[in-house]
Amino acid sequence: MNINLTLVVQMIVFILLIWFTMKFVWPMILGPMNERETRIAHGLAAAEKGEQELAAARDQAETIVREARERASHIIEQAQHAARDLVEQAKGAARSEGARLVAAAQQQIELDTTRAREALRREVAGIAVRAAAKLLGREIDARSHADLLDKFAAQV
């Protein structure tokens, strides 16, 4: 055999192999590769969209947290104001109650003082009657001389 003829036959076989591969085998390989490329492209697009949505969600979350903090500080401020009002009301009520108690105590003291004076007057009147009875040597009737004793007690 001639080397030239073998080389030509090998070239023809090789060309037929290439044609057969490109016609039947290559589409079977390229189909799944194109499908995978499409899936990867869709996945990358979805990942990019997800990152954008995540950034938007973070912004929205920060906005919500900021609003919540503002509301919380406003609520705290209102609660402190209400607490101050309650404390002031309680102080006012305590002052008025204290003033009422002091007035009631002063009235009670005046009443007790008056009672003590009256008791002291009666006692002094009794002592005066007994002293007068001893001086006179006879018993003085306290009922008959009540006007005299009241005048004496009023002077004392």
Protein backbone atom coordinates (compact mmCIF):
# COMPACT_ATOMS: atom_id res chain seq x y z
CA MET A 1 0.00 0.00 0.00
CA ASN A 2 0.94 3.36 -0.74
CA ILE A 3 1.45 5.93 1.99
CA ASN A 4 -0.35 8.55 0.01
CA LEU A 5 -3.41 6.44 -0.44
CA THR A 6 -3.50 5.55 3.26
CA LEU A 7 -3.16 9.14 4.19
CA VAL A 8 -5.98 10.15 1.88
CA VAL A 9 -8.24 7.40 3.24
CA GLN A 10 -7.47 8.39 6.81
CA MET A 11 -8.25 11.99 5.95
CA ILE A 12 -11.57 10.97 4.43
CA VAL A 13 -12.41 8.85 7.47
CA PHE A 14 -11.40 11.68 9.74
CA ILE A 15 -13.58 14.14 7.79
CA LEU A 16 -16.52 11.69 7.96
CA LEU A 17 -15.96 11.33 11.70
CA ILE A 18 -15.94 15.09 12.14
CA TRP A 19 -19.08 15.45 9.98
CA PHE A 20 -20.87 12.67 11.93
CA THR A 21 -19.82 14.19 15.28
CA MET A 22 -20.99 17.66 14.28
CA LYS A 23 -24.25 16.38 12.80
CA PHE A 24 -25.36 13.92 15.53
CA VAL A 25 -23.12 13.98 18.62
CA TRP A 26 -22.44 17.69 18.90
CA PRO A 27 -26.13 18.74 19.21
CA MET A 28 -26.61 16.17 21.98
CA ILE A 29 -23.69 17.71 23.87
CA LEU A 30 -24.60 21.33 23.13
CA GLY A 31 -28.28 20.91 24.11
CA PRO A 32 -27.65 20.14 27.80
CA MET A 33 -24.83 22.69 27.85
CA ASN A 34 -27.14 25.41 26.52
CA GLU A 35 -29.83 24.34 28.94
CA ARG A 36 -27.35 24.50 31.83
CA GLU A 37 -26.12 27.89 30.64
CA THR A 38 -29.73 29.13 30.60
CA ARG A 39 -30.35 27.78 34.10
CA ILE A 40 -27.15 29.41 35.38
CA ALA A 41 -28.14 32.72 33.76
CA HIS A 42 -31.61 32.49 35.35
CA GLY A 43 -30.03 31.62 38.70
CA LEU A 44 -27.67 34.58 38.51
CA ALA A 45 -30.55 36.88 37.56
CA ALA A 46 -32.60 35.52 40.45
CA ALA A 47 -29.66 35.97 42.83
CA GLU A 48 -29.21 39.57 41.67
CA LYS A 49 -32.93 40.20 42.06
CA GLY A 50 -32.78 38.58 45.51
CA GLU A 51 -29.89 40.86 46.51
CA GLN A 52 -31.89 43.88 45.36
CA GLU A 53 -34.93 42.69 47.29
CA LEU A 54 -32.73 42.05 50.33
CA ALA A 55 -31.32 45.57 50.13
CA ALA A 56 -34.85 46.97 49.80
CA ALA A 57 -36.00 44.83 52.74
CA ARG A 58 -33.05 46.08 54.83
CA ASP A 59 -33.95 49.67 54.00
CA GLN A 60 -37.57 49.02 54.88
CA ALA A 61 -36.55 47.27 58.11
CA GLU A 62 -34.33 50.22 59.07
CA THR A 63 -37.22 52.59 58.36
CA ILE A 64 -39.58 50.49 60.49
CA VAL A 65 -37.03 50.28 63.32
CA ARG A 66 -36.46 54.05 63.17
CA GLU A 67 -40.22 54.69 63.28
CA ALA A 68 -40.59 52.23 66.15
CA ARG A 69 -37.82 53.98 68.09
CA GLU A 70 -39.44 57.34 67.47
CA ARG A 71 -42.81 55.98 68.62
CA ALA A 72 -41.20 54.39 71.67
CA SER A 73 -39.45 57.63 72.62
CA HIS A 74 -42.74 59.51 72.12
CA ILE A 75 -44.58 56.99 74.29
CA ILE A 76 -41.86 57.21 76.95
CA GLU A 77 -42.07 60.99 76.86
CA GLN A 78 -45.85 60.85 77.28
CA ALA A 79 -45.50 58.37 80.15
CA GLN A 80 -42.96 60.61 81.88
CA HIS A 81 -45.24 63.60 81.42
CA ALA A 82 -48.19 61.63 82.81
CA ALA A 83 -46.03 60.46 85.72
CA ARG A 84 -45.00 64.05 86.46
CA ASP A 85 -48.66 65.09 86.35
CA LEU A 86 -49.62 62.25 88.69
CA VAL A 87 -46.81 63.17 91.08
CA GLU A 88 -47.92 66.81 91.06
CA GLN A 89 -51.53 65.77 91.65
CA ALA A 90 -50.43 63.49 94.47
CA LYS A 91 -48.35 66.29 95.99
CA GLY A 92 -51.31 68.66 95.79
CA ALA A 93 -53.62 66.08 97.30
CA ALA A 94 -51.08 65.37 100.05
CA ARG A 95 -50.70 69.09 100.77
CA SER A 96 -54.46 69.61 100.96
CA GLU A 97 -54.85 66.47 103.07
CA GLY A 98 -52.01 67.65 105.33
CA ALA A 99 -53.60 71.06 105.66
CA ARG A 100 -56.93 69.42 106.46
CA LEU A 101 -55.30 67.18 109.06
CA VAL A 102 -53.48 70.15 110.61
CA ALA A 103 -56.73 72.12 110.74
CA ALA A 104 -58.54 69.14 112.27
CA ALA A 105 -55.73 68.70 114.80
CA GLN A 106 -55.85 72.41 115.67
CA GLN A 107 -59.61 72.18 116.14
CA GLN A 108 -59.14 69.11 118.32
CA ILE A 109 -56.45 70.92 120.33
CA GLU A 110 -58.75 73.92 120.80
CA LEU A 111 -61.59 71.63 121.81
CA ASP A 112 -59.36 69.73 124.25
CA THR A 113 -58.02 73.03 125.60
CA THR A 114 -61.55 74.31 126.12
CA ARG A 115 -62.55 71.08 127.83
CA ALA A 116 -59.48 71.18 130.04
CA ARG A 117 -60.18 74.81 130.98
CA GLU A 118 -63.78 73.95 131.79
CA ALA A 119 -62.64 70.97 133.86
CA LEU A 120 -60.05 73.15 135.55
CA ARG A 121 -62.66 75.84 136.23
CA ARG A 122 -64.98 73.29 137.75
CA GLU A 123 -62.16 71.90 139.84
CA VAL A 124 -61.09 75.38 140.96
CA ALA A 125 -64.71 76.19 141.75
CA GLY A 126 -64.98 73.02 143.81
CA ILE A 127 -61.75 73.86 145.63
CA ALA A 128 -63.02 77.39 146.22
CA VAL A 129 -66.29 76.06 147.59
CA ARG A 130 -64.50 73.69 149.92
CA ALA A 131 -62.10 76.42 151.00
CA ALA A 132 -64.98 78.78 151.63
CA ALA A 133 -66.82 76.03 153.54
CA LYS A 134 -63.83 75.49 155.76
CA LEU A 135 -63.47 79.21 156.28
CA LEU A 136 -67.10 79.65 157.10
CA GLY A 137 -67.27 76.47 159.03
CA ARG A 138 -70.35 75.27 157.33
CA GLU A 139 -71.30 73.60 154.12
CA ILE A 140 -72.11 75.85 151.14
CA ASP A 141 -74.63 74.49 148.66
CA ALA A 142 -72.97 74.52 145.22
CA ARG A 143 -76.31 74.56 143.42
CA SER A 144 -77.61 77.60 145.12
CA HIS A 145 -74.46 79.56 144.43
CA ALA A 146 -73.93 78.39 140.83
CA ASP A 147 -74.01 81.94 139.44
CA LEU A 148 -71.36 83.02 141.89
CA LEU A 149 -69.19 80.03 141.01
CA ASP A 150 -69.58 80.57 137.24
CA LYS A 151 -68.53 84.22 137.60
CA PHE A 152 -65.56 83.16 139.71
CA ALA A 153 -64.59 80.43 137.21
CA ALA A 154 -64.83 82.89 134.33
CA GLN A 155 -62.44 85.26 136.14
CA VAL A 156 -60.00 82.44 136.73
